[in-house]
C-alpha atoms as a PDB file:
ATOM      1  CA  UNK A   1       2.221  16.746   0.621  1.00  0.00           C
ATOM      2  CA  UNK A   2       3.572  13.521   0.235  1.00  0.00           C
ATOM      3  CA  UNK A   3       7.415  12.887   2.136  1.00  0.00           C
ATOM      4  CA  UNK A   4       9.367   9.574   2.878  1.00  0.00           C
ATOM      5  CA  UNK A   5       8.951   8.789   5.844  1.00  0.00           C
ATOM      6  CA  UNK A   6      10.260   5.592   8.841  1.00  0.00           C
ATOM      7  CA  UNK A   7       8.175   2.784   9.791  1.00  0.00           C
ATOM      8  CA  UNK A   8       8.101   3.783  12.896  1.00  0.00           C
ATOM      9  CA  UNK A   9       6.418   6.663  12.264  1.00  0.00           C
ATOM     10  CA  UNK A  10       2.797   4.424  10.346  1.00  0.00           C
ATOM     11  CA  UNK A  11       3.272   2.204  12.374  1.00  0.00           C
ATOM     12  CA  UNK A  12      -0.424   4.250  14.517  1.00  0.00           C
ATOM     13  CA  UNK A  13      -2.327   4.288  11.112  1.00  0.00           C
ATOM     14  CA  UNK A  14      -1.357   0.373  10.474  1.00  0.00           C
ATOM     15  CA  UNK A  15      -3.601  -0.030  13.819  1.00  0.00           C
ATOM     16  CA  UNK A  16      -5.592   2.592  13.658  1.00  0.00           C
ATOM     17  CA  UNK A  17      -7.692   2.012  10.023  1.00  0.00           C
ATOM     18  CA  UNK A  18      -5.382  -1.813   9.152  1.00  0.00           C
ATOM     19  CA  UNK A  19      -6.382  -3.602  12.045  1.00  0.00           C
ATOM     20  CA  UNK A  20      -9.141  -1.074  14.066  1.00  0.00           C
ATOM     21  CA  UNK A  21      -6.274  -0.343  17.627  1.00  0.00           C
ATOM     22  CA  UNK A  22      -6.488  -4.099  18.347  1.00  0.00           C
ATOM     23  CA  UNK A  23      -2.853  -4.353  17.988  1.00  0.00           C
ATOM     24  CA  UNK A  24       0.295  -2.897  19.465  1.00  0.00           C
ATOM     25  CA  UNK A  25       2.196  -0.044  17.215  1.00  0.00           C
ATOM     26  CA  UNK A  26       4.977  -2.853  16.942  1.00  0.00           C
ATOM     27  CA  UNK A  27       2.191  -5.982  16.446  1.00  0.00           C
ATOM     28  CA  UNK A  28       1.812  -3.541  13.373  1.00  0.00           C
ATOM     29  CA  UNK A  29       5.151  -3.959  12.058  1.00  0.00           C
ATOM     30  CA  UNK A  30       5.688  -6.439   8.240  1.00  0.00           C
ATOM     31  CA  UNK A  31       8.205  -8.505   8.007  1.00  0.00           C
ATOM     32  CA  UNK A  32       9.249  -6.617   4.604  1.00  0.00           C
ATOM     33  CA  UNK A  33       9.617  -3.272   6.018  1.00  0.00           C
ATOM     34  CA  UNK A  34      12.760  -2.471   6.397  1.00  0.00           C
ATOM     35  CA  UNK A  35      14.657  -5.390   3.302  1.00  0.00           C
ATOM     36  CA  UNK A  36      16.731  -3.835   0.459  1.00  0.00           C
ATOM     37  CA  UNK A  37      14.368  -1.800  -1.501  1.00  0.00           C
ATOM     38  CA  UNK A  38      11.508  -1.151   0.497  1.00  0.00           C
ATOM     39  CA  UNK A  39      10.445   2.262   1.093  1.00  0.00           C
ATOM     40  CA  UNK A  40       7.463   3.651   2.875  1.00  0.00           C
ATOM     41  CA  UNK A  41       4.846   6.827   2.117  1.00  0.00           C
ATOM     42  CA  UNK A  42       3.189   9.176   3.972  1.00  0.00           C
ATOM     43  CA  UNK A  43       0.603  12.311   3.130  1.00  0.00           C
ATOM     44  CA  UNK A  44       0.687  14.788   5.466  1.00  0.00           C
ATOM     45  CA  UNK A  45      -2.333  17.621   5.545  1.00  0.00           C
ATOM     46  CA  UNK A  46      -0.214  20.352   7.144  1.00  0.00           C
ATOM     47  CA  UNK A  47       1.615  18.780   9.363  1.00  0.00           C
ATOM     48  CA  UNK A  48      -0.543  15.336  10.289  1.00  0.00           C
ATOM     49  CA  UNK A  49       0.428  11.995   8.817  1.00  0.00           C
ATOM     50  CA  UNK A  50      -3.163  11.474   7.535  1.00  0.00           C
ATOM     51  CA  UNK A  51      -2.470   8.646   4.879  1.00  0.00           C
ATOM     52  CA  UNK A  52       0.456   5.999   4.278  1.00  0.00           C
ATOM     53  CA  UNK A  53       2.121   2.955   2.198  1.00  0.00           C
ATOM     54  CA  UNK A  54       4.739   0.670   2.343  1.00  0.00           C
ATOM     55  CA  UNK A  55       6.510  -1.031  -1.062  1.00  0.00           C
ATOM     56  CA  UNK A  56       8.884  -3.362  -1.583  1.00  0.00           C
ATOM     57  CA  UNK A  57      10.945  -5.606  -4.373  1.00  0.00           C
ATOM     58  CA  UNK A  58       8.752  -8.662  -4.330  1.00  0.00           C
ATOM     59  CA  UNK A  59       7.647 -10.587  -7.330  1.00  0.00           C
ATOM     60  CA  UNK A  60       4.302 -11.878  -7.635  1.00  0.00           C
ATOM     61  CA  UNK A  61       2.875 -15.110  -9.952  1.00  0.00           C
ATOM     62  CA  UNK A  62       3.969 -15.939 -13.414  1.00  0.00           C
ATOM     63  CA  UNK A  63       4.736 -11.770 -13.986  1.00  0.00           C
ATOM     64  CA  UNK A  64       8.380 -10.667 -15.133  1.00  0.00           C
ATOM     65  CA  UNK A  65       9.996  -8.668 -14.548  1.00  0.00           C
ATOM     66  CA  UNK A  66      10.916  -6.203 -11.531  1.00  0.00           C
ATOM     67  CA  UNK A  67       7.916  -6.325  -9.415  1.00  0.00           C
ATOM     68  CA  UNK A  68       7.080  -4.353  -6.109  1.00  0.00           C
ATOM     69  CA  UNK A  69       4.351  -5.121  -3.888  1.00  0.00           C
ATOM     70  CA  UNK A  70       2.537  -2.448  -2.381  1.00  0.00           C
ATOM     71  CA  UNK A  71       1.143  -3.447   1.379  1.00  0.00           C
ATOM     72  CA  UNK A  72      -0.854  -0.944   4.486  1.00  0.00           C
ATOM     73  CA  UNK A  73      -2.168   1.753   2.236  1.00  0.00           C
ATOM     74  CA  UNK A  74      -4.489   3.131   5.107  1.00  0.00           C
ATOM     75  CA  UNK A  75      -6.232   6.467   5.507  1.00  0.00           C
ATOM     76  CA  UNK A  76      -7.469   8.074   8.706  1.00  0.00           C
ATOM     77  CA  UNK A  77     -10.982   7.710   8.619  1.00  0.00           C
ATOM     78  CA  UNK A  78     -11.785  11.649   8.567  1.00  0.00           C
ATOM     79  CA  UNK A  79      -9.633  12.426   5.541  1.00  0.00           C
ATOM     80  CA  UNK A  80     -11.022   9.947   3.562  1.00  0.00           C
ATOM     81  CA  UNK A  81     -12.521  10.506  -0.311  1.00  0.00           C
ATOM     82  CA  UNK A  82     -10.038  13.123  -0.871  1.00  0.00           C
ATOM     83  CA  UNK A  83      -7.658  12.092  -3.052  1.00  0.00           C
ATOM     84  CA  UNK A  84      -5.114  11.729  -0.705  1.00  0.00           C
ATOM     85  CA  UNK A  85      -4.380   8.091  -1.428  1.00  0.00           C
ATOM     86  CA  UNK A  86      -4.534   8.409  -4.961  1.00  0.00           C
ATOM     87  CA  UNK A  87      -1.721  10.729  -5.222  1.00  0.00           C
ATOM     88  CA  UNK A  88      -0.164   8.492  -3.070  1.00  0.00           C
ATOM     89  CA  UNK A  89      -0.553   5.296  -5.680  1.00  0.00           C
ATOM     90  CA  UNK A  90       0.583   7.793  -8.450  1.00  0.00           C
ATOM     91  CA  UNK A  91       3.887   8.510  -6.601  1.00  0.00           C
ATOM     92  CA  UNK A  92       5.013   5.198  -5.907  1.00  0.00           C
ATOM     93  CA  UNK A  93       4.070   5.269  -9.094  1.00  0.00           C
ATOM     94  CA  UNK A  94       6.326   7.122 -10.843  1.00  0.00           C
ATOM     95  CA  UNK A  95       9.291   6.814  -8.625  1.00  0.00           C
ATOM     96  CA  UNK A  96       9.266   2.608  -9.263  1.00  0.00           C
ATOM     97  CA  UNK A  97       9.827   3.857 -12.642  1.00  0.00           C
ATOM     98  CA  UNK A  98      12.078   5.991 -12.189  1.00  0.00           C
ATOM     99  CA  UNK A  99      13.750   2.484 -10.136  1.00  0.00           C
ATOM    100  CA  UNK A 100      13.641   0.121 -12.813  1.00  0.00           C
ATOM    101  CA  UNK A 101      10.388  -1.669 -11.812  1.00  0.00           C
ATOM    102  CA  UNK A 102       8.298  -2.965 -13.974  1.00  0.00           C
ATOM    103  CA  UNK A 103       5.214  -3.884 -12.256  1.00  0.00           C
ATOM    104  CA  UNK A 104       3.138  -2.948  -8.767  1.00  0.00           C
ATOM    105  CA  UNK A 105       0.945  -5.135  -6.377  1.00  0.00           C
ATOM    106  CA  UNK A 106      -1.221  -5.857  -4.193  1.00  0.00           C
ATOM    107  CA  UNK A 107      -3.997  -8.445  -1.978  1.00  0.00           C
ATOM    108  CA  UNK A 108      -6.483  -5.661  -2.022  1.00  0.00           C
ATOM    109  CA  UNK A 109      -9.010  -5.779   0.447  1.00  0.00           C
ATOM    110  CA  UNK A 110     -12.301  -6.236  -1.678  1.00  0.00           C
ATOM    111  CA  UNK A 111     -13.802  -3.194   0.031  1.00  0.00           C
ATOM    112  CA  UNK A 112     -11.066  -1.450  -1.726  1.00  0.00           C
ATOM    113  CA  UNK A 113     -11.023  -2.442  -4.982  1.00  0.00           C
ATOM    114  CA  UNK A 114     -13.096  -0.346  -6.734  1.00  0.00           C
ATOM    115  CA  UNK A 115     -10.079   2.853  -4.921  1.00  0.00           C
ATOM    116  CA  UNK A 116      -7.227   0.125  -6.338  1.00  0.00           C
ATOM    117  CA  UNK A 117      -9.652  -0.145 -10.376  1.00  0.00           C
ATOM    118  CA  UNK A 118      -9.719   3.360 -10.324  1.00  0.00           C
ATOM    119  CA  UNK A 119      -5.727   3.749  -9.659  1.00  0.00           C
ATOM    120  CA  UNK A 120      -5.171   2.074 -12.731  1.00  0.00           C
ATOM    121  CA  UNK A 121      -4.841  -1.571 -11.093  1.00  0.00           C
ATOM    122  CA  UNK A 122      -6.348  -4.976 -12.529  1.00  0.00           C
ATOM    123  CA  UNK A 123      -7.588  -7.412 -11.084  1.00  0.00           C
ATOM    124  CA  UNK A 124      -5.610 -10.918 -11.413  1.00  0.00           C
ATOM    125  CA  UNK A 125      -7.100 -13.718  -9.014  1.00  0.00           C
ATOM    126  CA  UNK A 126     -10.015 -15.385  -7.831  1.00  0.00           C
ATOM    127  CA  UNK A 127     -11.106 -13.790  -4.058  1.00  0.00           C
ATOM    128  CA  UNK A 128      -9.478 -15.432  -1.315  1.00  0.00           C
ATOM    129  CA  UNK A 129     -10.037 -14.909   2.476  1.00  0.00           C
ATOM    130  CA  UNK A 130      -6.754 -13.621   4.657  1.00  0.00           C
ATOM    131  CA  UNK A 131      -7.819 -15.528   7.625  1.00  0.00           C
ATOM    132  CA  UNK A 132      -9.426 -12.412  10.252  1.00  0.00           C
ATOM    133  CA  UNK A 133      -9.499  -9.365   7.695  1.00  0.00           C
ATOM    134  CA  UNK A 134     -11.554 -10.570   5.332  1.00  0.00           C
ATOM    135  CA  UNK A 135     -12.043 -11.264   1.593  1.00  0.00           C
ATOM    136  CA  UNK A 136      -9.319 -10.053  -0.574  1.00  0.00           C
ATOM    137  CA  UNK A 137      -7.779  -9.850  -4.312  1.00  0.00           C
ATOM    138  CA  UNK A 138      -4.679  -9.866  -5.912  1.00  0.00           C
ATOM    139  CA  UNK A 139      -4.866  -6.532  -7.994  1.00  0.00           C
ATOM    140  CA  UNK A 140      -2.374  -6.251 -10.252  1.00  0.00           C
ATOM    141  CA  UNK A 141      -0.795  -2.111 -12.263  1.00  0.00           C
ATOM    142  CA  UNK A 142       2.129  -2.449 -15.034  1.00  0.00           C
ATOM    143  CA  UNK A 143       4.215   0.214 -15.050  1.00  0.00           C
ATOM    144  CA  UNK A 144       6.615  -0.762 -18.329  1.00  0.00           C
END
């Protein structure tokens, strides 16, 4: 089941999955978590939060219209490969369409590029390095 969640609900998953448990939950906050228009989604199996993502209004490059950045997509290891992340992204796209967004984009880790491609995103940048995290691509999905 997918629900809108608060930032505090997802910090432990961001830390475990995206930062390999090296940080405190507070260090896993993004500056954009509380800006106007930002929202967070969680996928629950029974009552356990197993997959999260955050989205906020942010344009990219020369793309026109209302853009949202997807950030902090993370699924607990035991729940990967079950389609929960795909369902979360699809829910987000439908919701963004209702908000009038034209596109969504993300800085995708190289190892996650196939996941985003399978969700309909395309690579729109050269590979680049995020210090301390690894190689990434900017990926884009047109909504309308």
